[in-house]
Protein backbone atom coordinates (compact mmCIF):
# COMPACT_ATOMS: atom_id res chain seq x y z
CA UNK A 1 30.18 183.74 137.97
CA UNK A 2 32.80 183.61 140.80
CA UNK A 3 32.72 180.36 142.95
CA UNK A 4 30.07 180.86 145.62
CA UNK A 5 31.48 180.44 148.94
CA UNK A 6 29.66 178.22 151.36
CA UNK A 7 30.26 180.63 154.05
CA UNK A 8 29.51 182.19 157.24
CA UNK A 9 28.59 185.80 155.92
CA UNK A 10 25.58 186.18 158.26
CA UNK A 11 27.84 184.79 161.15
CA UNK A 12 30.36 187.44 160.18
CA UNK A 13 27.67 190.12 160.13
CA UNK A 14 26.72 189.09 163.73
CA UNK A 15 30.19 189.58 164.79
CA UNK A 16 30.94 192.65 163.06
CA UNK A 17 33.87 191.05 161.27
CA UNK A 18 35.14 191.04 157.87
CA UNK A 19 33.87 188.13 155.56
CA UNK A 20 37.27 187.19 154.62
CA UNK A 21 37.59 183.33 153.89
CA UNK A 22 40.15 180.76 153.89
CA UNK A 23 42.33 178.55 151.59
CA UNK A 24 44.86 176.31 150.20
CA UNK A 25 45.37 172.66 149.49
CA UNK A 26 47.50 170.50 147.59
CA UNK A 27 46.28 169.01 144.15
CA UNK A 28 46.98 165.44 144.55
CA UNK A 29 49.69 164.03 142.35
CA UNK A 30 49.37 160.62 140.68
CA UNK A 31 51.56 158.00 142.23
CA UNK A 32 54.17 156.38 139.91
CA UNK A 33 53.49 152.95 138.36
CA UNK A 34 55.95 150.66 139.68
CA UNK A 35 57.32 147.87 137.18
CA UNK A 36 56.92 144.35 138.55
CA UNK A 37 59.83 142.05 138.80
CA UNK A 38 60.13 139.13 136.18
CA UNK A 39 58.62 136.03 137.56
CA UNK A 40 60.77 132.86 138.05
CA UNK A 41 59.50 129.74 136.12
CA UNK A 42 56.79 127.84 138.06
CA UNK A 43 55.74 131.11 140.00
CA UNK A 44 52.85 133.50 139.39
CA UNK A 45 53.93 136.98 138.07
CA UNK A 46 53.20 139.95 140.09
CA UNK A 47 51.35 142.76 138.55
CA UNK A 48 53.37 145.07 136.26
CA UNK A 49 51.91 148.06 137.87
CA UNK A 50 50.38 149.46 141.22
CA UNK A 51 46.95 151.12 140.75
CA UNK A 52 47.13 154.34 142.70
CA UNK A 53 44.28 154.36 145.58
CA UNK A 54 42.13 157.34 146.09
CA UNK A 55 42.63 159.00 149.46
CA UNK A 56 38.98 159.56 149.77
CA UNK A 57 35.78 157.57 149.56
CA UNK A 58 34.99 157.70 145.85
CA UNK A 59 31.31 157.68 146.42
CA UNK A 60 31.89 161.30 147.52
CA UNK A 61 32.38 162.08 143.87
CA UNK A 62 28.78 161.47 143.17
CA UNK A 63 26.76 163.40 145.70
CA UNK A 64 23.32 162.96 144.16
CA UNK A 65 23.57 159.02 145.02
CA UNK A 66 24.18 159.79 148.66
CA UNK A 67 20.63 160.26 149.93
CA UNK A 68 20.31 157.72 152.90
CA UNK A 69 17.84 158.72 155.50
CA UNK A 70 19.61 159.21 158.98
CA UNK A 71 18.52 157.21 162.05
CA UNK A 72 16.01 159.31 164.40
CA UNK A 73 19.03 159.71 166.70
CA UNK A 74 22.65 158.85 165.95
CA UNK A 75 26.19 159.69 167.23
CA UNK A 76 29.31 160.64 165.59
CA UNK A 77 32.88 160.21 167.17
CA UNK A 78 35.32 162.77 166.20
CA UNK A 79 39.09 161.98 166.76
CA UNK A 80 40.98 165.11 166.31
CA UNK A 81 44.53 166.50 166.87
CA UNK A 82 43.01 167.65 170.20
CA UNK A 83 41.40 164.50 171.33
CA UNK A 84 38.09 163.01 171.00
CA UNK A 85 34.41 164.01 171.23
CA UNK A 86 31.04 162.93 170.53
CA UNK A 87 28.18 164.46 168.84
CA UNK A 88 24.43 163.33 169.22
CA UNK A 89 22.31 164.15 166.42
CA UNK A 90 18.61 164.38 166.68
CA UNK A 91 16.83 164.30 163.30
CA UNK A 92 13.64 165.71 164.49
CA UNK A 93 15.48 169.09 165.22
CA UNK A 94 16.46 169.55 161.67
CA UNK A 95 15.74 166.64 159.30
CA UNK A 96 17.01 167.78 156.18
CA UNK A 97 20.41 168.90 157.89
CA UNK A 98 20.86 165.71 159.86
CA UNK A 99 20.18 163.57 156.67
CA UNK A 100 22.97 165.68 154.99
CA UNK A 101 25.34 165.29 157.88
CA UNK A 102 24.71 161.67 158.19
CA UNK A 103 25.60 161.05 154.63
CA UNK A 104 28.82 163.18 154.63
CA UNK A 105 30.02 161.28 157.81
CA UNK A 106 29.05 157.90 156.65
CA UNK A 107 31.28 158.50 153.61
CA UNK A 108 34.27 160.03 155.79
CA UNK A 109 33.91 163.56 154.04
CA UNK A 110 35.33 165.29 157.16
CA UNK A 111 38.22 162.89 157.62
CA UNK A 112 41.34 164.87 157.57
CA UNK A 113 39.76 168.38 157.18
CA UNK A 114 40.92 171.21 159.37
CA UNK A 115 38.96 173.59 161.78
CA UNK A 116 39.73 176.38 159.55
CA UNK A 117 37.77 178.99 161.29
CA UNK A 118 37.94 179.43 165.23
CA UNK A 119 36.67 182.50 166.61
CA UNK A 120 37.07 182.30 170.47
CA UNK A 121 33.82 182.81 172.47
CA UNK A 122 31.83 182.36 169.10
CA UNK A 123 32.18 179.42 167.05
CA UNK A 124 34.46 176.46 165.57
CA UNK A 125 33.80 175.98 162.03
CA UNK A 126 34.75 173.23 159.63
CA UNK A 127 33.49 171.24 156.64
CA UNK A 128 35.77 172.00 153.61
CA UNK A 129 37.11 168.73 152.25
CA UNK A 130 40.82 168.08 152.45
CA UNK A 131 40.62 166.93 148.70
CA UNK A 132 39.90 169.22 145.93
CA UNK A 133 38.09 166.71 143.68
CA UNK A 134 35.64 166.32 146.69
CA UNK A 135 35.10 170.03 147.25
CA UNK A 136 34.34 170.64 143.54
CA UNK A 137 31.82 167.63 143.65
CA UNK A 138 29.94 169.29 146.71
CA UNK A 139 30.38 173.05 146.08
CA UNK A 140 26.75 173.47 144.54
CA UNK A 141 24.90 170.75 146.37
CA UNK A 142 22.60 172.99 148.42
CA UNK A 143 19.68 171.74 150.48
CA UNK A 144 16.76 173.65 151.71
CA UNK A 145 16.74 175.36 155.17
CA UNK A 146 15.10 173.43 158.20
CA UNK A 147 12.80 175.43 160.34
CA UNK A 148 14.74 176.33 163.57
CA UNK A 149 13.34 174.27 166.13
CA UNK A 150 16.30 174.61 168.76
CA UNK A 151 18.43 177.32 169.94
CA UNK A 152 22.11 177.95 169.15
CA UNK A 153 23.30 177.20 172.66
CA UNK A 154 26.79 176.20 173.65
CA UNK A 155 27.72 172.87 172.32
CA UNK A 156 25.42 172.83 169.56
CA UNK A 157 26.20 171.94 165.91
CA UNK A 158 24.55 173.87 163.05
CA UNK A 159 25.12 174.22 159.24
CA UNK A 160 26.86 177.42 158.07
CA UNK A 161 25.14 179.19 155.23
CA UNK A 162 25.77 181.99 152.63
CA UNK A 163 21.93 183.00 152.74
CA UNK A 164 18.59 181.12 152.25
CA UNK A 165 18.81 177.61 151.22
CA UNK A 166 22.40 177.33 150.57
CA UNK A 167 23.61 174.72 153.14
CA UNK A 168 26.09 172.16 151.81
CA UNK A 169 28.71 170.75 153.96
CA UNK A 170 30.08 173.29 156.26
CA UNK A 171 29.09 173.25 159.87
CA UNK A 172 30.01 175.00 163.09
CA UNK A 173 29.97 174.41 166.93
CA UNK A 174 28.69 177.17 169.08
CA UNK A 175 31.29 177.94 171.77
CA UNK A 176 28.66 179.86 173.67
CA UNK A 177 24.92 180.66 173.65
CA UNK A 178 24.65 182.35 170.32
CA UNK A 179 20.82 182.59 170.53
CA UNK A 180 20.64 185.64 168.30
CA UNK A 181 21.62 183.32 165.38
CA UNK A 182 18.04 181.72 165.94
CA UNK A 183 16.11 184.42 164.20
CA UNK A 184 18.66 184.28 161.26
CA UNK A 185 17.68 180.81 160.17
CA UNK A 186 20.58 178.68 161.73
CA UNK A 187 19.00 175.55 162.81
CA UNK A 188 21.01 173.28 165.07
CA UNK A 189 20.78 169.58 164.38
CA UNK A 190 22.94 168.02 167.17
CA UNK A 191 24.92 168.59 170.37
CA UNK A 192 28.32 167.83 171.80
CA UNK A 193 27.98 165.31 174.43
CA UNK A 194 29.50 166.15 178.17
CA UNK A 195 33.10 166.71 178.43
CA UNK A 196 33.54 166.79 174.63
CA UNK A 197 33.36 170.54 174.77
CA UNK A 198 36.65 170.63 176.52
CA UNK A 199 38.30 169.26 173.52
CA UNK A 200 36.24 171.54 171.12
CA UNK A 201 37.32 174.57 172.97
CA UNK A 202 40.88 173.67 172.69
CA UNK A 203 40.90 173.94 168.92
CA UNK A 204 43.79 176.51 167.76
CA UNK A 205 42.04 180.02 167.03
CA UNK A 206 45.00 182.41 167.54
CA UNK A 207 45.28 183.20 163.67
CA UNK A 208 42.48 185.81 164.03
CA UNK A 209 39.36 185.64 161.82
CA UNK A 210 40.51 188.35 159.34
CA UNK A 211 43.99 186.73 158.91
CA UNK A 212 42.44 183.34 158.20
CA UNK A 213 42.81 181.14 155.27
CA UNK A 214 40.91 181.90 152.14
CA UNK A 215 37.81 179.33 151.52
CA UNK A 216 37.91 179.51 147.78
CA UNK A 217 41.65 178.44 147.99
CA UNK A 218 40.79 175.54 150.47
CA UNK A 219 38.33 174.35 147.92
CA UNK A 220 40.73 174.63 145.01
CA UNK A 221 43.92 173.44 146.78
CA UNK A 222 42.85 171.39 149.73
CA UNK A 223 44.49 170.76 153.02
CA UNK A 224 48.23 171.36 151.82
CA UNK A 225 47.38 174.93 151.38
CA UNK A 226 46.28 175.17 155.10
CA UNK A 227 49.27 173.04 156.24
CA UNK A 228 51.66 175.48 154.62
CA UNK A 229 50.04 178.81 155.60
CA UNK A 230 48.35 178.03 158.77
CA UNK A 231 50.31 174.90 160.23
CA UNK A 232 48.84 175.23 163.76
CA UNK A 233 45.36 174.48 162.88
CA UNK A 234 43.72 171.55 164.37
CA UNK A 235 42.14 168.80 162.11
CA UNK A 236 39.82 165.92 162.17
CA UNK A 237 41.76 162.49 161.94
CA UNK A 238 38.49 160.69 161.53
CA UNK A 239 34.63 161.29 161.83
CA UNK A 240 32.58 158.08 162.16
CA UNK A 241 28.98 157.10 162.85
CA UNK A 242 29.33 154.92 165.89
CA UNK A 243 25.89 154.04 166.65
CA UNK A 244 22.20 155.15 167.12
CA UNK A 245 22.20 157.25 170.29
CA UNK A 246 21.16 155.04 173.34
CA UNK A 247 21.96 151.80 171.76
CA UNK A 248 24.18 149.28 173.07
CA UNK A 249 27.98 150.27 173.00
CA UNK A 250 26.92 153.88 172.54
CA UNK A 251 27.32 156.70 175.15
CA UNK A 252 23.84 157.86 176.65
CA UNK A 253 22.56 161.23 174.99
CA UNK A 254 22.94 164.32 177.34
CA UNK A 255 20.28 166.72 177.82
CA UNK A 256 20.10 169.15 174.98
CA UNK A 257 20.67 172.19 176.97
CA UNK A 258 24.10 173.35 177.11
CA UNK A 259 25.99 175.09 179.70
CA UNK A 260 26.16 179.00 179.64
CA UNK A 261 29.61 180.32 179.12
C-alpha cells in the first residue's frame, strides 16, 4: 500500500485546490571515523575513533514511549528564520492533540523542519521532520480525533488530517478565520500570542500550493530535498517548551479570540 500522506486533503478540498504534496530531504551520511594520534609515554591515549552523534533526539525513534501528559496550559517558543513567536496551548481545548504536540516539542521533533506549505490568507503548515528516520518512525502513529471545542480563528493552531483519526505530527496555523473547518473535525488546541502572528504571516508562500514540494519525498529524503528544490521556504530553528502559561518568566496568555483579517 502506498505510503499514507499525513496531509491536508480536507483542507485542499475546502480551498478547491489540488492535493499535491511536498518533498525531499537528504539521507544522512555516516561521519568518517577519525584515527587518534599515538599517545606519548606517560599520557592518556585519545580514543581511536569518534562516534557520530545523531542530529536528532534519539527518543523520537520510539514514539510509543513518548506518552507524557501535557500541563493544563503550556507555552512553546518558536525560533524561526523569520523571527520568534510563542504559542499558548490549552489542554482542555483538545487533550489528545495537546498531549501529542507536547511530546513532539519536548523532544525537538520540529527543530530544523520547514514551513513546507504556506497558502496566503489560509494556512501555514508544518510538521514533517527534517530527518527521514524520524519521519519513518512517526508516519503511522495516528491519534484519535478530539471533539471540536474551539473555532479555527486566525492565529489558532490545529492538527492536519487525512481523514478521521489520522492525526500524527503535521499542524497548521490559521492565517484568517477559517471557521468552515470547524464542522470538518479540525480541533484547535492553541493560539499564537500577540504580535507573534506578524512573524507567522511573513513565512514565504510564493511557490504556490500546486507547485509545492511532495510530502512523500520530504518524508523519504528530509530537509535537503526542500533546500534544493524550494530554497526560499522558511524553517524552524528550534521549538521549545518554555513554561506552563502564566508561570514566572512566561508571557501571560492572551485572549483566545483572534483578530479577523
